[in-house]
N, C-alpha and C. Protein backbone atom coordinates (compact mmCIF):
# COMPACT_ATOMS: atom_id res chain seq x y z
N MET A 1 -70.47 6.06 24.47
CA MET A 1 -69.10 5.65 25.09
C MET A 1 -69.31 5.01 26.54
N SER A 2 -70.27 5.40 27.32
CA SER A 2 -70.67 4.80 28.96
C SER A 2 -71.01 3.55 28.70
N CYS A 3 -71.93 3.44 27.84
CA CYS A 3 -72.65 2.31 27.20
C CYS A 3 -71.42 0.86 27.24
N TYR A 4 -70.35 1.52 26.40
CA TYR A 4 -69.62 0.41 25.76
C TYR A 4 -68.57 0.20 26.37
N LEU A 5 -68.59 1.16 27.92
CA LEU A 5 -67.52 0.82 28.66
C LEU A 5 -67.90 -0.52 30.01
N ALA A 6 -69.55 0.60 29.87
CA ALA A 6 -70.11 -1.42 30.69
C ALA A 6 -70.23 -2.22 30.19
N LEU A 7 -70.22 -2.45 29.17
CA LEU A 7 -70.93 -3.52 28.23
C LEU A 7 -68.96 -4.59 28.44
N ALA A 8 -68.19 -3.94 28.35
CA ALA A 8 -66.82 -4.36 28.42
C ALA A 8 -66.30 -4.71 29.71
N LEU A 9 -66.34 -3.97 30.43
CA LEU A 9 -66.71 -4.68 32.16
C LEU A 9 -68.05 -5.96 32.64
N LEU A 10 -69.12 -5.75 31.89
CA LEU A 10 -69.44 -7.23 32.10
C LEU A 10 -68.68 -8.17 32.43
N PRO A 11 -68.01 -8.92 31.56
CA PRO A 11 -67.08 -10.17 31.76
C PRO A 11 -66.21 -10.37 32.66
N VAL A 12 -65.58 -8.99 33.47
CA VAL A 12 -64.67 -8.57 34.27
C VAL A 12 -65.00 -9.02 35.45
N LEU A 13 -66.63 -8.59 35.62
CA LEU A 13 -67.40 -8.19 36.68
C LEU A 13 -68.10 -9.56 37.32
N ALA A 14 -68.21 -10.76 35.89
CA ALA A 14 -68.70 -11.98 36.31
C ALA A 14 -67.89 -12.94 36.37
N ALA A 15 -66.56 -12.56 35.99
CA ALA A 15 -65.02 -13.62 36.55
C ALA A 15 -65.05 -13.40 38.11
N CYS A 16 -65.35 -12.45 38.97
CA CYS A 16 -65.28 -11.98 39.95
C CYS A 16 -66.18 -12.53 41.10
N SER A 17 -67.00 -13.22 40.72
CA SER A 17 -67.80 -13.84 41.34
C SER A 17 -67.24 -14.96 42.37
N ALA A 18 -68.56 -14.83 43.29
CA ALA A 18 -68.09 -15.32 44.48
C ALA A 18 -67.90 -17.14 44.54
N ALA A 19 -67.49 -17.41 44.88
CA ALA A 19 -66.81 -19.21 45.13
C ALA A 19 -68.29 -19.64 45.43
N PRO A 20 -68.07 -20.98 45.64
CA PRO A 20 -69.49 -21.61 46.00
C PRO A 20 -69.36 -22.01 47.74
N PRO A 21 -70.48 -21.80 48.37
CA PRO A 21 -70.60 -21.77 49.67
C PRO A 21 -69.82 -22.89 50.30
N ALA A 22 -69.40 -23.02 51.54
CA ALA A 22 -68.36 -24.20 51.94
C ALA A 22 -69.53 -25.05 52.89
N THR A 23 -70.71 -24.81 52.45
CA THR A 23 -71.96 -25.35 53.59
C THR A 23 -71.80 -26.93 53.01
N THR A 24 -71.43 -26.74 51.47
CA THR A 24 -71.55 -28.22 50.89
C THR A 24 -70.46 -28.59 51.24
N ALA A 25 -70.88 -30.32 50.49
CA ALA A 25 -69.13 -31.03 50.18
C ALA A 25 -68.76 -30.58 49.00
N GLN A 26 -69.64 -30.06 47.98
CA GLN A 26 -68.81 -29.94 46.52
C GLN A 26 -68.23 -28.32 46.83
N GLY A 27 -68.73 -27.66 47.79
CA GLY A 27 -68.27 -26.24 47.93
C GLY A 27 -66.65 -26.17 48.77
N ARG A 28 -66.78 -27.15 49.91
CA ARG A 28 -65.38 -26.99 50.30
C ARG A 28 -64.78 -27.84 49.72
N CYS A 29 -65.16 -29.01 48.56
CA CYS A 29 -64.04 -29.84 48.09
C CYS A 29 -63.77 -28.72 46.78
N GLU A 30 -64.33 -28.06 46.56
CA GLU A 30 -63.93 -27.06 45.51
C GLU A 30 -62.77 -25.57 46.23
N GLN A 31 -63.37 -25.35 47.18
CA GLN A 31 -62.31 -24.59 47.68
C GLN A 31 -61.16 -25.18 48.51
N GLN A 32 -61.28 -25.98 49.11
CA GLN A 32 -59.85 -27.27 48.62
C GLN A 32 -58.67 -27.36 47.77
N ALA A 33 -59.41 -27.30 46.73
CA ALA A 33 -58.49 -27.84 45.57
C ALA A 33 -57.84 -26.91 44.95
N TYR A 34 -56.97 -26.04 45.37
CA TYR A 34 -55.95 -25.09 45.05
C TYR A 34 -55.18 -25.24 46.48
N GLN A 35 -55.51 -25.95 47.03
CA GLN A 35 -54.76 -26.61 48.35
C GLN A 35 -53.70 -28.02 48.19
N ASP A 36 -54.58 -28.57 47.09
CA ASP A 36 -53.89 -29.88 46.72
C ASP A 36 -52.19 -29.57 45.98
N PRO A 37 -51.42 -30.28 46.43
CA PRO A 37 -50.27 -30.30 46.22
C PRO A 37 -49.48 -30.33 44.49
N ALA A 38 -50.81 -31.11 43.90
CA ALA A 38 -50.22 -31.12 42.01
C ALA A 38 -50.98 -30.04 41.62
N VAL A 39 -51.83 -29.32 42.26
CA VAL A 39 -52.62 -27.85 41.89
C VAL A 39 -51.36 -26.71 41.97
N LYS A 40 -51.19 -27.04 43.07
CA LYS A 40 -50.19 -25.84 42.96
C LYS A 40 -49.00 -26.09 42.56
N ALA A 41 -48.19 -27.14 42.15
CA ALA A 41 -47.02 -27.26 41.32
C ALA A 41 -47.27 -27.14 40.25
N LEU A 42 -48.55 -26.98 39.35
CA LEU A 42 -49.32 -26.62 38.61
C LEU A 42 -48.94 -24.84 38.40
N LEU A 43 -49.43 -24.31 39.42
CA LEU A 43 -49.75 -22.68 39.53
C LEU A 43 -48.38 -22.41 40.06
N VAL A 44 -47.58 -22.92 40.38
CA VAL A 44 -46.20 -22.66 40.33
C VAL A 44 -45.10 -22.44 38.78
N LYS A 45 -45.20 -23.39 38.39
CA LYS A 45 -44.57 -23.71 36.87
C LYS A 45 -45.28 -23.30 36.06
N ALA A 46 -46.84 -22.13 36.28
CA ALA A 46 -47.49 -21.35 35.10
C ALA A 46 -46.41 -20.43 34.31
N PRO A 47 -47.12 -20.13 33.08
CA PRO A 47 -46.05 -19.87 32.19
C PRO A 47 -46.45 -18.15 32.48
N ALA A 48 -45.54 -17.73 31.84
CA ALA A 48 -45.40 -16.18 31.64
C ALA A 48 -46.74 -15.11 30.94
N TRP A 49 -47.30 -16.50 30.19
CA TRP A 49 -48.10 -16.12 29.44
C TRP A 49 -49.31 -17.54 29.78
N SER A 50 -50.38 -16.92 30.92
CA SER A 50 -51.10 -17.91 31.44
C SER A 50 -52.58 -18.28 30.66
N GLY A 51 -52.63 -17.66 29.17
CA GLY A 51 -53.18 -18.10 28.78
C GLY A 51 -52.75 -19.56 27.83
N ASP A 52 -52.14 -19.53 27.69
CA ASP A 52 -51.37 -21.08 27.67
C ASP A 52 -52.91 -22.39 27.57
N PRO A 53 -53.03 -23.07 26.41
CA PRO A 53 -54.00 -23.42 26.38
C PRO A 53 -53.91 -24.98 27.15
N GLY A 54 -52.61 -25.08 26.75
CA GLY A 54 -51.81 -26.55 27.14
C GLY A 54 -52.28 -26.70 28.84
N TRP A 55 -51.90 -25.70 29.54
CA TRP A 55 -51.55 -25.05 30.79
C TRP A 55 -52.50 -25.36 31.53
N GLN A 56 -53.66 -24.38 31.14
CA GLN A 56 -55.06 -24.67 30.97
C GLN A 56 -55.96 -25.41 31.32
N GLU A 57 -55.69 -26.34 30.60
CA GLU A 57 -56.24 -27.68 30.22
C GLU A 57 -55.39 -28.85 31.41
N GLU A 58 -54.43 -28.81 31.58
CA GLU A 58 -54.08 -29.55 32.64
C GLU A 58 -53.93 -29.01 34.21
N LEU A 59 -54.13 -27.61 34.17
CA LEU A 59 -54.36 -26.92 35.40
C LEU A 59 -56.08 -27.41 35.86
N ARG A 60 -57.14 -27.37 34.52
CA ARG A 60 -58.48 -27.70 34.75
C ARG A 60 -58.70 -29.50 35.03
N LEU A 61 -57.97 -30.55 34.68
CA LEU A 61 -57.56 -31.57 34.85
C LEU A 61 -57.06 -31.82 35.99
N ALA A 62 -56.07 -30.91 36.62
CA ALA A 62 -55.81 -31.66 37.84
C ALA A 62 -56.75 -30.68 39.10
N ARG A 63 -57.13 -29.65 38.90
CA ARG A 63 -58.00 -29.06 39.64
C ARG A 63 -59.82 -30.05 40.05
N ARG A 64 -59.65 -30.70 39.05
CA ARG A 64 -61.07 -31.89 38.65
C ARG A 64 -60.70 -32.94 39.70
N LYS A 65 -59.53 -33.49 39.56
CA LYS A 65 -59.00 -34.67 40.03
C LYS A 65 -58.95 -34.34 41.25
N SER A 66 -59.08 -32.82 41.65
CA SER A 66 -58.49 -32.99 43.22
C SER A 66 -59.76 -32.67 43.80
N VAL A 67 -61.12 -32.27 43.42
CA VAL A 67 -62.46 -32.27 43.52
C VAL A 67 -63.21 -33.31 43.46
N ASN A 68 -62.76 -34.46 42.77
CA ASN A 68 -63.66 -35.94 42.75
C ASN A 68 -62.98 -36.35 43.70
N ASP A 69 -61.63 -36.34 43.90
CA ASP A 69 -61.24 -37.03 45.21
C ASP A 69 -61.65 -36.69 46.28
N CYS A 70 -61.42 -35.50 46.65
CA CYS A 70 -62.29 -34.98 47.90
C CYS A 70 -63.68 -35.75 48.01
N LEU A 71 -64.36 -35.77 47.34
CA LEU A 71 -65.94 -35.78 47.14
C LEU A 71 -66.07 -37.10 47.59
N VAL A 72 -64.93 -38.05 46.58
CA VAL A 72 -65.02 -39.43 47.18
C VAL A 72 -64.46 -39.77 48.83
N ALA A 73 -63.99 -38.84 48.94
CA ALA A 73 -63.15 -39.22 50.49
C ALA A 73 -64.27 -38.69 51.69
N ALA A 74 -65.33 -37.95 50.99
CA ALA A 74 -66.40 -37.47 51.99
C ALA A 74 -67.81 -38.54 51.95
N GLY A 75 -67.39 -39.56 51.13
CA GLY A 75 -68.44 -40.61 50.97
C GLY A 75 -69.60 -39.92 49.64
N PHE A 76 -69.02 -39.34 48.50
CA PHE A 76 -69.82 -38.76 47.53
C PHE A 76 -69.44 -39.27 46.53
N ALA A 77 -69.80 -39.62 45.42
CA ALA A 77 -69.65 -40.08 44.10
C ALA A 77 -69.85 -39.17 43.12
N PRO A 78 -68.49 -38.96 42.27
CA PRO A 78 -68.48 -37.86 41.23
C PRO A 78 -69.57 -38.09 40.69
N PRO A 79 -69.53 -36.34 39.96
CA PRO A 79 -70.51 -36.60 38.95
C PRO A 79 -70.20 -37.49 37.72
N GLY A 80 -71.23 -37.92 37.22
CA GLY A 80 -71.53 -38.76 35.84
C GLY A 80 -71.54 -39.57 36.34
N GLY A 81 -72.15 -41.54 35.46
CA GLY A 81 -72.54 -42.15 35.78
C GLY A 81 -71.88 -43.12 34.41
N VAL A 82 -73.12 -44.34 34.63
CA VAL A 82 -72.83 -45.28 33.36
C VAL A 82 -73.07 -44.85 32.25
N GLU A 83 -72.72 -45.08 31.09
CA GLU A 83 -73.26 -44.49 29.61
C GLU A 83 -74.26 -45.42 29.78
N PRO A 84 -75.34 -45.02 28.62
CA PRO A 84 -76.25 -46.41 27.98
C PRO A 84 -76.01 -47.05 27.05
N VAL A 85 -76.41 -48.10 26.90
CA VAL A 85 -76.09 -48.40 25.75
C VAL A 85 -76.84 -48.36 24.54
N ASN A 86 -76.54 -47.89 23.41
CA ASN A 86 -77.36 -47.35 22.29
C ASN A 86 -77.53 -48.77 21.07
N ARG A 87 -78.98 -49.26 21.78
CA ARG A 87 -79.25 -50.48 20.80
C ARG A 87 -80.43 -50.27 20.54
N ALA A 88 -80.61 -50.55 19.23
CA ALA A 88 -81.90 -50.76 18.49
C ALA A 88 -82.42 -52.50 18.33
N ARG A 89 -83.97 -52.44 18.06
CA ARG A 89 -84.43 -53.50 17.84
C ARG A 89 -84.66 -53.50 16.41
N PHE A 90 -83.96 -54.45 16.15
CA PHE A 90 -84.70 -54.85 13.87
C PHE A 90 -85.21 -56.58 13.91
N GLY A 91 -86.63 -56.52 13.68
CA GLY A 91 -86.79 -57.90 13.64
C GLY A 91 -86.76 -58.60 14.55
N LEU A 92 -86.48 -59.81 14.74
CA LEU A 92 -86.20 -60.95 15.26
C LEU A 92 -84.80 -60.81 16.52
N GLY A 93 -84.24 -59.32 16.51
CA GLY A 93 -83.34 -59.35 17.66
C GLY A 93 -82.91 -58.32 17.79
N TRP A 94 -81.94 -57.60 18.87
CA TRP A 94 -81.02 -56.99 18.89
C TRP A 94 -79.48 -56.68 18.42
N TYR A 95 -79.63 -55.14 17.87
CA TYR A 95 -78.35 -54.74 17.30
C TYR A 95 -77.86 -53.74 17.62
N ALA A 96 -76.74 -53.98 17.91
CA ALA A 96 -76.00 -52.65 18.69
C ALA A 96 -75.20 -51.97 17.56
N TYR A 97 -75.52 -50.22 17.88
CA TYR A 97 -74.69 -49.67 16.66
C TYR A 97 -74.10 -49.21 17.17
């Protein structure tokens, strides 16, 4: 019985992990994301059942935008980059697919 209880508590303990350290720009921006007015507005209008997928997606997008804006203001580029062009060479020329 105690083995099952320990396994059931494992996800709860994992969710309580520490925030990223504020010694890096990424960590500072992630910690400041909840101070953003757009994120605060979404947190205030949270539904009674916060497991609503639509609200969670809005919150995730608002937090990501806040972190990216903070990183750009700090002089760092947001994650990601240019998507490579998929092309193949057949015979005498290049053909995009």
